[in-house]
Amino acid sequence: MSRTSAAQRRKSSIVAEEEILRFASPDPATGVRPHALWHKHIHNVELDPMQLLKMQEMDEHENTVDFSCRRTGKTAVKEMHILEQLATRPHQECGIVAPRMQQSLNNLTYQTDAIKRSPILSAFVAYEAGRPQIKDTGFGFVNKSKAGAYGIMSQIDGDSITIADIEEVDDMPQDRLLSRFLPMLGAARRLGADPRQHQFKPSVRITGVYKGADVLKSLIDTGEYHVLPAVDVHLGVEMGMVDAGWADSMRKQLPADEYLRQFLCQNVQARNWIWETYIKRAGALGLEAGLQRAQPLPGVRYRRRGLIGFGYDHTGHGEKPEASKSALVVTEQLGNWLTFPFVYVWPPGIDDRVIGRDLVAFWDYFRPDYAIGDAYGVGMLTAVNDDLFQKGLTHVNRETVNDGESNASAWSGWAFAPMRFEGMTKHVMASALREAFHHGRAAYPYVDLLDDAHEPDEWLAFVRQLGNMKAEPTKASYSSFVMADPKVGDDLFDAACAAVYALLTRGLADAPAVISQRKMTREQLLASPAAGLALGYR
């Protein structure tokens, strides 16, 4: 294969630009751009009628929002429209931003794949020092237009863009989106570009489903964004975009509120015990703070930053065998914040001895200050407390507490204290967890609920179960808690309640009574101003 010289590349780019601009101009009579011809001619892609109509609306409106159902091609049409704009307009710059860098790179892949499958666009890629300007995080064309991928937490100060490509906006911290990324728009000039020939009009393209965090809704309510036609799951099935069997399967798997938001495009929010608004906010805070999930390893110690609490829920009798599992939640207090660095779920029907060994191993890694476990597994917790003392992981010898008896009065003195999750105690535990979220003092590592293929099952279940509990009134003075959707489960919710309650009560340890006293003479009593007034003296 012969080497291509710089002169040959320049000649190829000139020919490529002629082909790119062949179908770039709108029709003189109607003003409609021939998007279908351009994409078919340039990179051999046929757009469906809904995508073409959305492109026409994007031509008419600079700021657009699309919250259509999953798998209906809303991200693809947005990226194809931006690619066409970069190729046909010089000196444009697109910034792709998403909650995580990997999501931005996925969006960028739509454009880079189109370039790689198109000889015309490949010949239009710019070269610097003999290297093509196309890489994993961005690309550049000969006409000085380019695109780059960002994470919402990236250091983006100083950059200047003309097209903001925003993905999954409901997962982003709203203050950082408004204070760091969107201000990158607005520049009306570029160095080396003639302002009389090139226009730089900022545009914002937003895609993403409703997730209950109100970030997307607040942007729409400003009136600055035009909402593109929403394609729900039923229309997607009729148009051949969505597989009917997959849509029916998701309807059965997802909670009702999640299905309404993501597949029927309705902005509804669950008002269960913990509101989804505050759950999403805790995830956004964790993303902004850079919280990471802990990964226990043998022989390694967790680098703690505050008090650590364990909460364990033992397997029991659920509505279904898979709905009742043993679960562990670890909480860490960082200043005034309550964080959740680790969650774990054991398969249903697993041997208690396996769970006991795992709990001892997790204790060795985290070295918690306080721990509470479900008394339903008191036999297993008894063995765990004995192993912790024998291995030197705690100074508390269970056999010396209340003469070694295993009853409710003795449990509070154990290192891993069993407790019954019922009645008023369960109400207080759930209230403590709820207050942490509703007062904005809870945060957990970011979890993408739509990425089931890459996110761990236990973290997906943890976030979903937090909003799956609802309180029902009883004849007593406390509420009873039931699952809104039995398929989602409640094991991690109970474990989280126990972990928070462990920090709140310092592991159920009884506080010794303290009696304070002091002695005063009669003269001291009479000399006291308060005593003098009480006795009538002046």
Protein backbone atom coordinates (compact mmCIF):
# COMPACT_ATOMS: atom_id res chain seq x y z
CA MET A 1 0.00 0.00 0.00
CA SER A 2 1.51 3.30 -1.08
CA ARG A 3 1.84 6.18 1.33
CA THR A 4 -0.55 9.11 0.79
CA SER A 5 1.22 12.46 0.61
CA ALA A 6 -0.04 15.67 2.16
CA ALA A 7 -0.83 17.08 -1.29
CA GLN A 8 -2.91 14.03 -2.15
CA ARG A 9 -4.80 14.33 1.15
CA ARG A 10 -5.58 17.98 0.44
CA LYS A 11 -6.86 17.10 -3.01
CA SER A 12 -9.02 14.30 -1.56
CA SER A 13 -10.44 16.65 1.08
CA ILE A 14 -11.42 19.17 -1.61
CA VAL A 15 -13.27 16.48 -3.56
CA ALA A 16 -14.88 15.21 -0.34
CA GLU A 17 -16.05 18.71 0.56
CA GLU A 18 -17.74 19.05 -2.80
CA GLU A 19 -19.69 15.86 -2.16
CA ILE A 20 -20.52 16.90 1.41
CA LEU A 21 -21.99 20.19 0.21
CA ARG A 22 -23.89 18.59 -2.69
CA PHE A 23 -27.06 18.07 -0.59
CA ALA A 24 -26.29 20.55 2.20
CA SER A 25 -28.32 23.53 0.97
CA PRO A 26 -32.06 23.82 1.71
CA ASP A 27 -34.57 23.81 -1.12
CA PRO A 28 -34.96 27.39 -2.42
CA ALA A 29 -38.73 27.09 -2.70
CA THR A 30 -39.60 25.29 0.55
CA GLY A 31 -36.56 25.92 2.74
CA VAL A 32 -36.43 22.22 3.70
CA ARG A 33 -33.01 20.58 3.96
CA PRO A 34 -32.69 17.20 2.16
CA HIS A 35 -31.43 15.29 5.22
CA ALA A 36 -32.46 11.92 3.78
CA LEU A 37 -30.39 12.48 0.62
CA TRP A 38 -27.38 13.79 2.55
CA HIS A 39 -27.11 10.84 4.94
CA LYS A 40 -27.82 8.25 2.25
CA HIS A 41 -25.22 9.83 -0.06
CA ILE A 42 -22.52 10.45 2.56
CA HIS A 43 -22.56 7.36 4.80
CA ASN A 44 -25.32 5.13 3.37
CA VAL A 45 -27.88 5.45 6.19
CA GLU A 46 -31.61 5.54 5.56
CA LEU A 47 -33.53 7.59 8.12
CA ASP A 48 -37.10 6.72 9.05
CA PRO A 49 -39.92 9.30 8.77
CA MET A 50 -39.91 10.15 12.50
CA GLN A 51 -36.16 10.84 12.45
CA LEU A 52 -36.49 13.09 9.41
CA LEU A 53 -39.31 15.06 11.02
CA LYS A 54 -37.23 15.50 14.16
CA MET A 55 -34.30 16.76 12.08
CA GLN A 56 -36.59 19.31 10.45
CA GLU A 57 -37.68 20.59 13.86
CA MET A 58 -34.03 20.78 14.96
CA ASP A 59 -33.39 22.98 11.92
CA GLU A 60 -36.17 25.29 13.07
CA HIS A 61 -35.23 25.41 16.79
CA GLU A 62 -31.75 25.86 18.23
CA ASN A 63 -32.53 24.30 21.62
CA THR A 64 -34.41 20.99 21.60
CA VAL A 65 -35.32 18.23 24.06
CA ASP A 66 -36.22 14.63 23.20
CA PHE A 67 -37.43 12.30 25.98
CA SER A 68 -38.78 9.49 23.80
CA CYS A 69 -38.90 5.85 24.88
CA ARG A 70 -35.76 3.78 25.10
CA ARG A 71 -34.46 2.18 21.88
CA THR A 72 -36.44 4.45 19.56
CA GLY A 73 -33.36 6.10 18.04
CA LYS A 74 -33.51 9.51 19.70
CA THR A 75 -29.75 9.58 20.39
CA ALA A 76 -28.93 8.36 16.88
CA VAL A 77 -30.92 11.09 15.14
CA LYS A 78 -29.39 13.75 17.39
CA GLU A 79 -25.83 12.61 16.65
CA MET A 80 -26.50 12.33 12.91
CA HIS A 81 -27.91 15.87 12.81
CA ILE A 82 -24.88 17.21 14.69
CA LEU A 83 -22.50 15.30 12.38
CA GLU A 84 -24.15 16.87 9.35
CA GLN A 85 -23.89 20.30 10.93
CA LEU A 86 -20.17 19.85 11.70
CA ALA A 87 -19.39 18.62 8.19
CA THR A 88 -21.29 21.38 6.36
CA ARG A 89 -20.52 24.39 8.60
CA PRO A 90 -16.92 25.51 9.23
CA HIS A 91 -15.46 26.39 12.65
CA GLN A 92 -18.16 24.63 14.69
CA GLU A 93 -17.38 22.76 17.90
CA CYS A 94 -19.59 20.15 19.58
CA GLY A 95 -19.21 19.21 23.22
CA ILE A 96 -20.80 15.92 24.28
CA VAL A 97 -21.50 15.67 27.99
CA ALA A 98 -23.07 12.91 30.07
CA PRO A 99 -23.03 11.90 33.75
CA ARG A 100 -20.04 9.66 33.07
CA MET A 101 -17.31 9.85 30.47
CA GLN A 102 -18.18 6.40 29.11
CA GLN A 103 -21.68 7.57 28.20
CA SER A 104 -20.23 10.54 26.29
CA LEU A 105 -17.90 8.21 24.41
CA ASN A 106 -20.87 6.03 23.47
CA ASN A 107 -22.56 9.07 21.91
CA LEU A 108 -19.36 10.04 20.14
CA THR A 109 -19.18 6.53 18.67
CA TYR A 110 -22.29 7.26 16.58
CA GLN A 111 -20.36 9.98 14.76
CA THR A 112 -16.97 8.25 14.52
CA ASP A 113 -18.59 5.07 13.16
CA ALA A 114 -20.30 7.13 10.47
CA ILE A 115 -16.94 8.66 9.55
CA LYS A 116 -15.23 5.26 9.36
CA ARG A 117 -17.89 3.73 7.11
CA SER A 118 -17.91 6.73 4.76
CA PRO A 119 -14.97 7.26 2.35
CA ILE A 120 -16.17 10.84 1.88
CA LEU A 121 -16.06 11.74 5.58
CA SER A 122 -12.83 9.77 6.09
CA ALA A 123 -11.17 11.90 3.40
CA PHE A 124 -12.52 15.02 5.14
CA VAL A 125 -10.80 14.26 8.46
CA ALA A 126 -8.07 16.75 9.32
CA TYR A 127 -4.42 15.74 9.66
CA GLU A 128 -1.77 17.18 11.98
CA ALA A 129 1.87 16.09 11.78
CA GLY A 130 0.81 13.27 9.48
CA ARG A 131 -1.76 11.86 11.96
CA PRO A 132 -5.52 11.79 11.38
CA GLN A 133 -7.44 13.84 13.94
CA ILE A 134 -9.86 11.10 14.96
CA LYS A 135 -9.47 9.39 18.31
CA ASP A 136 -11.49 7.88 21.14
CA THR A 137 -12.38 11.24 22.71
CA GLY A 138 -13.01 13.39 19.62
CA PHE A 139 -12.33 14.19 15.99
CA GLY A 140 -11.74 17.15 13.68
CA PHE A 141 -12.59 17.97 10.07
CA VAL A 142 -10.64 19.94 7.47
CA ASN A 143 -13.14 22.82 7.81
CA LYS A 144 -11.96 23.34 11.44
CA SER A 145 -15.14 21.86 12.91
CA LYS A 146 -14.61 19.32 15.68
CA ALA A 147 -16.30 17.33 18.44
CA GLY A 148 -15.15 16.20 21.89
CA ALA A 149 -16.52 14.07 24.73
CA TYR A 150 -16.73 15.21 28.34
CA GLY A 151 -17.97 13.87 31.63
CA ILE A 152 -20.08 16.27 33.69
CA MET A 153 -17.35 16.23 36.37
CA SER A 154 -14.54 16.89 33.84
CA GLN A 155 -12.40 20.01 34.06
CA ILE A 156 -14.07 21.92 31.24
CA ASP A 157 -13.33 25.51 32.22
CA GLY A 158 -11.92 27.56 29.35
CA ASP A 159 -13.35 25.52 26.48
CA SER A 160 -15.71 27.17 24.01
CA ILE A 161 -18.35 25.23 22.06
CA THR A 162 -21.16 26.07 19.67
CA ILE A 163 -23.20 22.85 20.03
CA ALA A 164 -24.01 21.32 23.42
CA ASP A 165 -24.83 17.60 23.12
CA ILE A 166 -26.33 16.53 26.46
CA GLU A 167 -27.24 12.94 27.30
CA GLU A 168 -29.30 11.62 30.27
CA VAL A 169 -29.72 15.05 31.79
CA ASP A 170 -31.85 13.78 34.68
CA ASP A 171 -28.80 11.98 36.09
CA MET A 172 -26.65 15.13 36.22
CA PRO A 173 -26.11 17.55 39.10
CA GLN A 174 -28.18 20.51 38.01
CA ASP A 175 -25.93 23.16 39.54
CA ARG A 176 -22.83 21.85 37.75
CA LEU A 177 -24.67 21.57 34.44
CA LEU A 178 -25.86 25.18 34.65
CA SER A 179 -22.71 26.68 36.17
CA ARG A 180 -19.95 24.80 34.32
CA PHE A 181 -21.09 23.26 31.02
CA LEU A 182 -23.79 25.49 29.53
CA PRO A 183 -21.71 28.69 30.04
CA MET A 184 -19.22 27.22 27.54
CA LEU A 185 -21.72 28.27 24.86
CA GLY A 186 -22.30 31.81 23.67
CA ALA A 187 -19.09 32.83 21.92
CA ALA A 188 -19.95 34.74 18.73
CA ARG A 189 -16.48 34.65 17.18
CA ARG A 190 -13.50 32.36 16.57
CA LEU A 191 -9.86 33.23 16.02
CA GLY A 192 -9.04 32.96 12.34
CA ALA A 193 -12.71 32.89 11.25
CA ASP A 194 -14.27 35.77 9.33
CA PRO A 195 -17.44 36.76 11.24
CA ARG A 196 -18.96 38.05 8.00
CA GLN A 197 -18.79 34.57 6.46
CA HIS A 198 -19.24 32.25 9.44
CA GLN A 199 -22.00 32.42 12.03
CA PHE A 200 -21.73 30.93 15.51
CA LYS A 201 -25.22 30.50 16.93
CA PRO A 202 -25.23 28.34 20.06
CA SER A 203 -27.53 25.32 20.09
CA VAL A 204 -28.38 22.77 22.78
CA ARG A 205 -29.52 19.22 21.96
CA ILE A 206 -30.81 17.25 24.94
CA THR A 207 -31.89 13.60 24.99
CA GLY A 208 -32.79 11.34 27.89
CA VAL A 209 -35.78 9.81 29.58
CA TYR A 210 -37.54 11.08 32.67
CA LYS A 211 -35.99 9.61 35.80
CA GLY A 212 -37.73 11.56 38.53
CA ALA A 213 -34.90 13.98 39.35
CA ASP A 214 -36.70 17.08 37.92
CA VAL A 215 -33.58 18.36 36.11
CA LEU A 216 -35.11 17.73 32.70
CA LYS A 217 -38.47 19.13 33.79
CA SER A 218 -36.90 22.31 35.17
CA LEU A 219 -35.09 22.96 31.87
CA ILE A 220 -38.31 22.49 29.88
CA ASP A 221 -40.22 24.77 32.26
CA THR A 222 -37.88 27.66 31.44
CA GLY A 223 -39.50 27.88 27.99
CA GLU A 224 -36.10 27.99 26.26
CA TYR A 225 -36.30 24.46 24.86
CA HIS A 226 -38.51 23.06 22.13
CA VAL A 227 -39.82 19.56 22.91
CA LEU A 228 -39.52 17.16 19.98
CA PRO A 229 -42.31 14.61 19.36
CA ALA A 230 -42.09 11.89 21.99
CA VAL A 231 -42.20 8.32 20.68
CA ASP A 232 -43.56 6.04 23.40
CA VAL A 233 -43.14 2.27 23.46
CA HIS A 234 -46.45 1.56 21.72
CA LEU A 235 -45.68 3.88 18.80
CA GLY A 236 -42.17 2.43 18.66
CA VAL A 237 -43.58 -1.08 18.32
CA GLU A 238 -46.00 0.01 15.59
CA MET A 239 -43.19 1.72 13.64
CA GLY A 240 -40.92 -1.29 13.94
CA MET A 241 -38.36 0.48 16.17
CA VAL A 242 -38.93 -1.60 19.32
CA ASP A 243 -39.29 -5.36 19.68
CA ALA A 244 -42.75 -6.19 21.01
CA GLY A 245 -41.54 -9.11 23.14
CA TRP A 246 -38.83 -7.02 24.77
CA ALA A 247 -41.30 -4.21 25.49
CA ASP A 248 -43.70 -6.63 27.16
CA SER A 249 -40.87 -8.13 29.20
CA MET A 250 -39.78 -4.69 30.47
CA ARG A 251 -43.37 -3.88 31.39
CA LYS A 252 -43.41 -6.91 33.69
CA GLN A 253 -39.94 -6.30 35.16
CA LEU A 254 -39.91 -2.57 35.84
CA PRO A 255 -41.80 -0.84 38.67
CA ALA A 256 -44.94 0.93 37.50
CA ASP A 257 -43.52 4.45 37.97
CA GLU A 258 -40.30 3.56 36.16
CA TYR A 259 -42.23 2.07 33.22
CA LEU A 260 -44.44 5.15 32.96
CA ARG A 261 -41.42 7.46 32.86
CA GLN A 262 -39.06 5.57 30.59
CA PHE A 263 -41.44 3.80 28.23
CA LEU A 264 -44.62 5.90 28.21
CA CYS A 265 -42.74 9.24 28.49
CA GLN A 266 -44.84 10.47 31.43
CA ASN A 267 -43.11 12.54 34.11
CA VAL A 268 -44.51 10.84 37.19
CA GLN A 269 -42.79 10.50 40.55
CA ALA A 270 -43.35 7.86 43.18
CA ARG A 271 -44.40 9.27 46.54
CA ASN A 272 -43.53 6.21 48.58
CA TRP A 273 -41.71 6.27 51.91
CA ILE A 274 -38.55 7.77 50.34
CA TRP A 275 -39.37 10.04 47.42
CA GLU A 276 -37.55 9.31 44.18
CA THR A 277 -36.64 12.98 43.85
CA TYR A 278 -34.39 12.71 46.89
CA ILE A 279 -33.00 9.32 45.82
CA LYS A 280 -31.93 10.80 42.48
CA ARG A 281 -30.49 13.81 44.27
CA ALA A 282 -28.38 11.54 46.48
CA GLY A 283 -27.02 9.84 43.36
CA ALA A 284 -26.22 13.19 41.77
CA LEU A 285 -24.43 14.31 44.95
CA GLY A 286 -22.39 11.11 44.92
CA LEU A 287 -21.42 11.76 41.30
CA GLU A 288 -20.40 15.34 42.06
CA ALA A 289 -18.42 14.30 45.16
CA GLY A 290 -16.66 11.50 43.28
CA LEU A 291 -17.83 8.73 45.62
CA GLN A 292 -16.52 5.33 44.58
CA ARG A 293 -17.81 1.84 45.31
CA ALA A 294 -15.65 -0.12 47.73
CA GLN A 295 -14.12 -3.36 46.43
CA PRO A 296 -13.16 -5.65 49.36
CA LEU A 297 -9.96 -7.62 48.71
CA PRO A 298 -8.19 -10.22 50.89
CA GLY A 299 -5.36 -8.77 52.94
CA VAL A 300 -6.37 -5.16 52.21
CA ARG A 301 -7.90 -2.66 54.64
CA TYR A 302 -10.56 -0.11 53.67
CA ARG A 303 -9.32 3.47 53.82
CA ARG A 304 -11.92 4.90 56.13
CA ARG A 305 -12.86 8.57 56.44
CA GLY A 306 -15.43 8.44 59.23
CA LEU A 307 -17.61 6.19 61.35
CA ILE A 308 -18.65 2.96 59.62
CA GLY A 309 -21.84 0.99 60.28
CA PHE A 310 -22.97 -2.47 59.15
CA GLY A 311 -26.58 -3.37 58.47
CA TYR A 312 -27.53 -7.00 57.73
CA ASP A 313 -30.92 -8.38 56.70
CA HIS A 314 -31.33 -12.14 56.89
CA THR A 315 -33.19 -14.22 54.36
CA GLY A 316 -36.79 -14.91 55.34
CA HIS A 317 -40.19 -15.76 53.97
CA GLY A 318 -40.93 -13.43 51.04
CA GLU A 319 -43.67 -13.44 48.47
CA LYS A 320 -41.30 -15.29 46.12
CA PRO A 321 -38.09 -17.25 46.79
CA GLU A 322 -36.03 -14.70 44.87
CA ALA A 323 -37.64 -11.76 46.69
CA SER A 324 -36.11 -12.71 50.06
CA LYS A 325 -32.33 -12.70 50.15
CA SER A 326 -29.64 -11.97 52.70
CA ALA A 327 -28.21 -8.50 52.19
CA LEU A 328 -25.49 -6.28 53.68
CA VAL A 329 -25.28 -2.49 53.46
CA VAL A 330 -22.27 -0.51 54.68
CA THR A 331 -22.70 3.13 55.68
CA GLU A 332 -19.97 5.67 56.32
CA GLN A 333 -20.42 9.04 57.99
CA LEU A 334 -18.44 11.78 56.26
CA GLY A 335 -18.89 14.90 58.33
CA ASN A 336 -22.61 15.68 58.14
CA TRP A 337 -23.16 13.26 55.25
CA LEU A 338 -24.26 9.65 55.19
CA THR A 339 -22.72 7.65 52.35
CA PHE A 340 -23.13 4.06 51.16
CA PRO A 341 -19.77 2.73 49.88
CA PHE A 342 -20.72 -0.97 49.66
CA VAL A 343 -23.78 -3.20 49.25
CA TYR A 344 -23.89 -6.97 48.85
CA VAL A 345 -26.60 -9.56 48.24
CA TRP A 346 -26.32 -13.32 48.70
CA PRO A 347 -28.23 -15.70 46.43
CA PRO A 348 -31.46 -17.13 47.89
CA GLY A 349 -31.13 -20.45 49.68
CA ILE A 350 -27.40 -20.08 50.41
CA ASP A 351 -25.91 -21.85 53.44
CA ASP A 352 -25.68 -19.72 56.59
CA ARG A 353 -22.06 -20.80 57.07
CA VAL A 354 -21.13 -19.16 53.76
CA ILE A 355 -22.84 -15.94 54.80
CA GLY A 356 -21.06 -16.05 58.17
CA ARG A 357 -17.63 -16.41 56.55
CA ASP A 358 -18.38 -13.56 54.17
CA LEU A 359 -19.52 -11.28 57.01
CA VAL A 360 -16.30 -11.95 58.92
CA ALA A 361 -14.27 -11.20 55.79
CA PHE A 362 -16.17 -7.95 55.17
CA TRP A 363 -15.68 -7.00 58.83
CA ASP A 364 -11.93 -7.60 58.47
CA TYR A 365 -11.87 -5.26 55.44
CA PHE A 366 -14.06 -2.41 56.71
CA ARG A 367 -13.52 -2.71 60.52
CA PRO A 368 -16.91 -1.14 61.31
CA ASP A 369 -17.55 0.81 64.50
CA TYR A 370 -21.12 -0.45 64.91
CA ALA A 371 -23.17 -3.25 63.40
CA ILE A 372 -26.78 -4.46 63.62
CA GLY A 373 -28.16 -7.63 62.08
CA ASP A 374 -31.56 -9.23 61.65
CA ALA A 375 -32.45 -11.37 64.68
CA TYR A 376 -34.12 -13.82 62.31
CA GLY A 377 -30.59 -15.14 61.74
CA VAL A 378 -29.47 -15.00 65.35
CA GLY A 379 -27.89 -18.47 65.15
CA MET A 380 -25.61 -17.39 62.33
CA LEU A 381 -24.87 -14.04 64.01
CA THR A 382 -23.90 -15.90 67.19
CA ALA A 383 -21.24 -17.81 65.26
CA VAL A 384 -20.12 -14.59 63.56
CA ASN A 385 -19.60 -12.84 66.91
CA ASP A 386 -17.57 -15.80 68.18
CA ASP A 387 -15.39 -15.79 65.05
CA LEU A 388 -14.82 -12.04 65.29
CA PHE A 389 -13.55 -12.40 68.86
CA GLN A 390 -11.39 -15.43 68.11
CA LYS A 391 -9.75 -13.65 65.15
CA GLY A 392 -9.09 -10.55 67.23
CA LEU A 393 -11.40 -8.35 65.14
CA THR A 394 -13.36 -7.19 68.19
CA HIS A 395 -12.67 -6.93 71.90
CA VAL A 396 -16.23 -7.98 72.82
CA ASN A 397 -16.53 -11.60 73.96
CA ARG A 398 -20.14 -12.64 73.51
CA GLU A 399 -19.83 -15.31 76.19
CA THR A 400 -19.10 -12.71 78.88
CA VAL A 401 -22.22 -10.64 78.09
CA ASN A 402 -25.14 -11.57 80.38
CA ASP A 403 -23.50 -14.92 81.26
CA GLY A 404 -23.35 -15.93 77.61
CA GLU A 405 -27.10 -16.05 77.13
CA SER A 406 -28.60 -15.34 73.71
CA ASN A 407 -31.68 -13.21 74.30
CA ALA A 408 -32.90 -9.72 73.52
CA SER A 409 -31.46 -8.28 76.73
CA ALA A 410 -27.99 -9.59 75.90
CA TRP A 411 -27.90 -8.82 72.19
CA SER A 412 -27.27 -5.10 72.68
CA GLY A 413 -23.85 -5.89 74.16
CA TRP A 414 -22.63 -7.94 71.19
CA ALA A 415 -20.25 -6.56 68.56
CA PHE A 416 -22.63 -7.57 65.75
CA ALA A 417 -25.89 -6.93 67.59
CA PRO A 418 -29.02 -8.86 66.50
CA MET A 419 -32.30 -6.95 66.52
CA ARG A 420 -35.86 -7.70 65.51
CA PHE A 421 -36.95 -5.59 62.52
CA GLU A 422 -40.58 -5.14 63.51
CA GLY A 423 -43.10 -2.85 65.18
CA MET A 424 -42.04 0.51 66.51
CA THR A 425 -38.36 -0.36 66.05
CA LYS A 426 -38.83 -0.86 62.30
CA HIS A 427 -40.72 2.45 62.12
CA VAL A 428 -37.87 4.32 63.85
CA MET A 429 -35.25 2.65 61.63
CA ALA A 430 -37.10 3.51 58.43
CA SER A 431 -37.70 7.07 59.64
CA ALA A 432 -33.99 7.58 60.27
CA LEU A 433 -33.14 6.44 56.74
CA ARG A 434 -35.89 8.61 55.26
CA GLU A 435 -34.72 11.71 57.12
CA ALA A 436 -31.18 11.29 55.77
CA PHE A 437 -32.48 11.39 52.18
CA HIS A 438 -35.24 13.98 52.59
CA HIS A 439 -32.92 16.43 54.38
CA GLY A 440 -30.33 16.14 51.61
CA ARG A 441 -27.67 14.46 53.75
CA ALA A 442 -27.40 11.13 51.92
CA ALA A 443 -25.18 10.26 48.94
CA TYR A 444 -24.20 7.08 47.15
CA PRO A 445 -21.94 6.27 44.17
CA TYR A 446 -23.60 7.00 40.85
CA VAL A 447 -25.68 4.13 39.43
CA ASP A 448 -27.00 4.12 35.85
CA LEU A 449 -30.37 2.40 36.19
CA LEU A 450 -30.67 2.04 32.42
CA ASP A 451 -27.41 0.15 31.98
CA ASP A 452 -28.39 -3.28 33.29
CA ALA A 453 -25.66 -4.96 31.25
CA HIS A 454 -22.76 -3.19 33.01
CA GLU A 455 -24.07 -2.11 36.42
CA PRO A 456 -23.86 -4.70 39.26
CA ASP A 457 -27.22 -6.24 40.14
CA GLU A 458 -26.88 -5.40 43.83
CA TRP A 459 -26.42 -1.69 43.15
CA LEU A 460 -29.38 -1.60 40.76
CA ALA A 461 -31.49 -3.37 43.39
CA PHE A 462 -30.29 -1.02 46.14
CA VAL A 463 -31.40 2.15 44.34
CA ARG A 464 -34.71 0.64 43.22
CA GLN A 465 -35.55 -0.78 46.65
CA LEU A 466 -34.98 2.56 48.37
CA GLY A 467 -38.06 3.90 46.57
CA ASN A 468 -40.03 0.64 46.69
CA MET A 469 -41.36 0.88 50.25
CA LYS A 470 -44.59 2.52 51.29
CA ALA A 471 -46.08 3.05 54.73
CA GLU A 472 -49.52 1.77 55.63
CA PRO A 473 -51.44 2.93 58.70
CA THR A 474 -52.10 0.47 61.50
CA LYS A 475 -54.12 0.47 64.70
CA ALA A 476 -50.93 1.14 66.64
CA SER A 477 -49.11 4.47 66.82
CA TYR A 478 -46.62 3.46 64.13
CA SER A 479 -46.75 2.56 60.44
CA SER A 480 -46.31 -0.78 58.76
CA PHE A 481 -44.05 -0.99 55.71
CA VAL A 482 -44.87 -3.03 52.62
CA MET A 483 -43.33 -3.26 49.16
CA ALA A 484 -44.94 -1.20 46.40
CA ASP A 485 -43.72 -3.80 43.89
CA PRO A 486 -42.95 -7.28 45.35
CA LYS A 487 -40.78 -8.10 42.33
CA VAL A 488 -38.25 -5.43 43.35
CA GLY A 489 -37.76 -6.67 46.92
CA ASP A 490 -36.92 -4.97 50.21
CA ASP A 491 -33.84 -6.74 51.60
CA LEU A 492 -31.36 -3.94 50.87
CA PHE A 493 -33.82 -1.37 52.21
CA ASP A 494 -34.01 -3.24 55.53
CA ALA A 495 -30.23 -3.61 55.62
CA ALA A 496 -29.81 0.12 54.94
CA CYS A 497 -32.23 0.90 57.77
CA ALA A 498 -30.17 -1.29 60.12
CA ALA A 499 -26.89 0.32 59.05
CA VAL A 500 -28.20 3.84 59.62
CA TYR A 501 -29.77 2.80 62.91
CA ALA A 502 -26.44 1.30 64.00
CA LEU A 503 -24.76 4.70 63.61
CA LEU A 504 -27.71 6.43 65.23
CA THR A 505 -27.77 4.21 68.35
CA ARG A 506 -24.05 3.38 68.39
CA GLY A 507 -24.74 -0.32 67.94
CA LEU A 508 -27.54 -0.60 70.55
CA ALA A 509 -25.00 -0.17 73.35
CA ASP A 510 -26.67 0.81 76.61
CA ALA A 511 -25.54 4.19 77.87
CA PRO A 512 -24.67 3.99 81.60
CA ALA A 513 -26.63 6.26 83.89
CA VAL A 514 -24.66 9.25 85.16
CA ILE A 515 -25.69 11.00 88.40
CA SER A 516 -24.14 14.43 88.91
CA GLN A 517 -24.07 16.14 92.29
CA ARG A 518 -22.35 19.02 94.04
CA LYS A 519 -22.28 20.48 97.55
CA MET A 520 -23.00 24.10 98.48
CA THR A 521 -23.01 25.83 101.84
CA ARG A 522 -25.90 27.95 103.13
CA GLU A 523 -23.86 31.10 102.50
CA GLN A 524 -23.24 30.07 98.86
CA LEU A 525 -26.90 29.46 98.32
CA LEU A 526 -27.81 32.85 99.77
CA ALA A 527 -25.11 34.54 97.68
CA SER A 528 -26.52 33.15 94.45
CA PRO A 529 -28.60 35.84 92.59
CA ALA A 530 -31.16 33.27 91.53
CA ALA A 531 -31.44 31.93 95.04
CA GLY A 532 -31.76 35.47 96.44
CA LEU A 533 -34.62 36.35 94.13
CA ALA A 534 -36.36 33.08 94.90
CA LEU A 535 -36.14 33.78 98.65
CA GLY A 536 -37.13 37.43 98.32
CA TYR A 537 -33.73 38.93 99.18
CA ARG A 538 -32.37 42.02 97.44
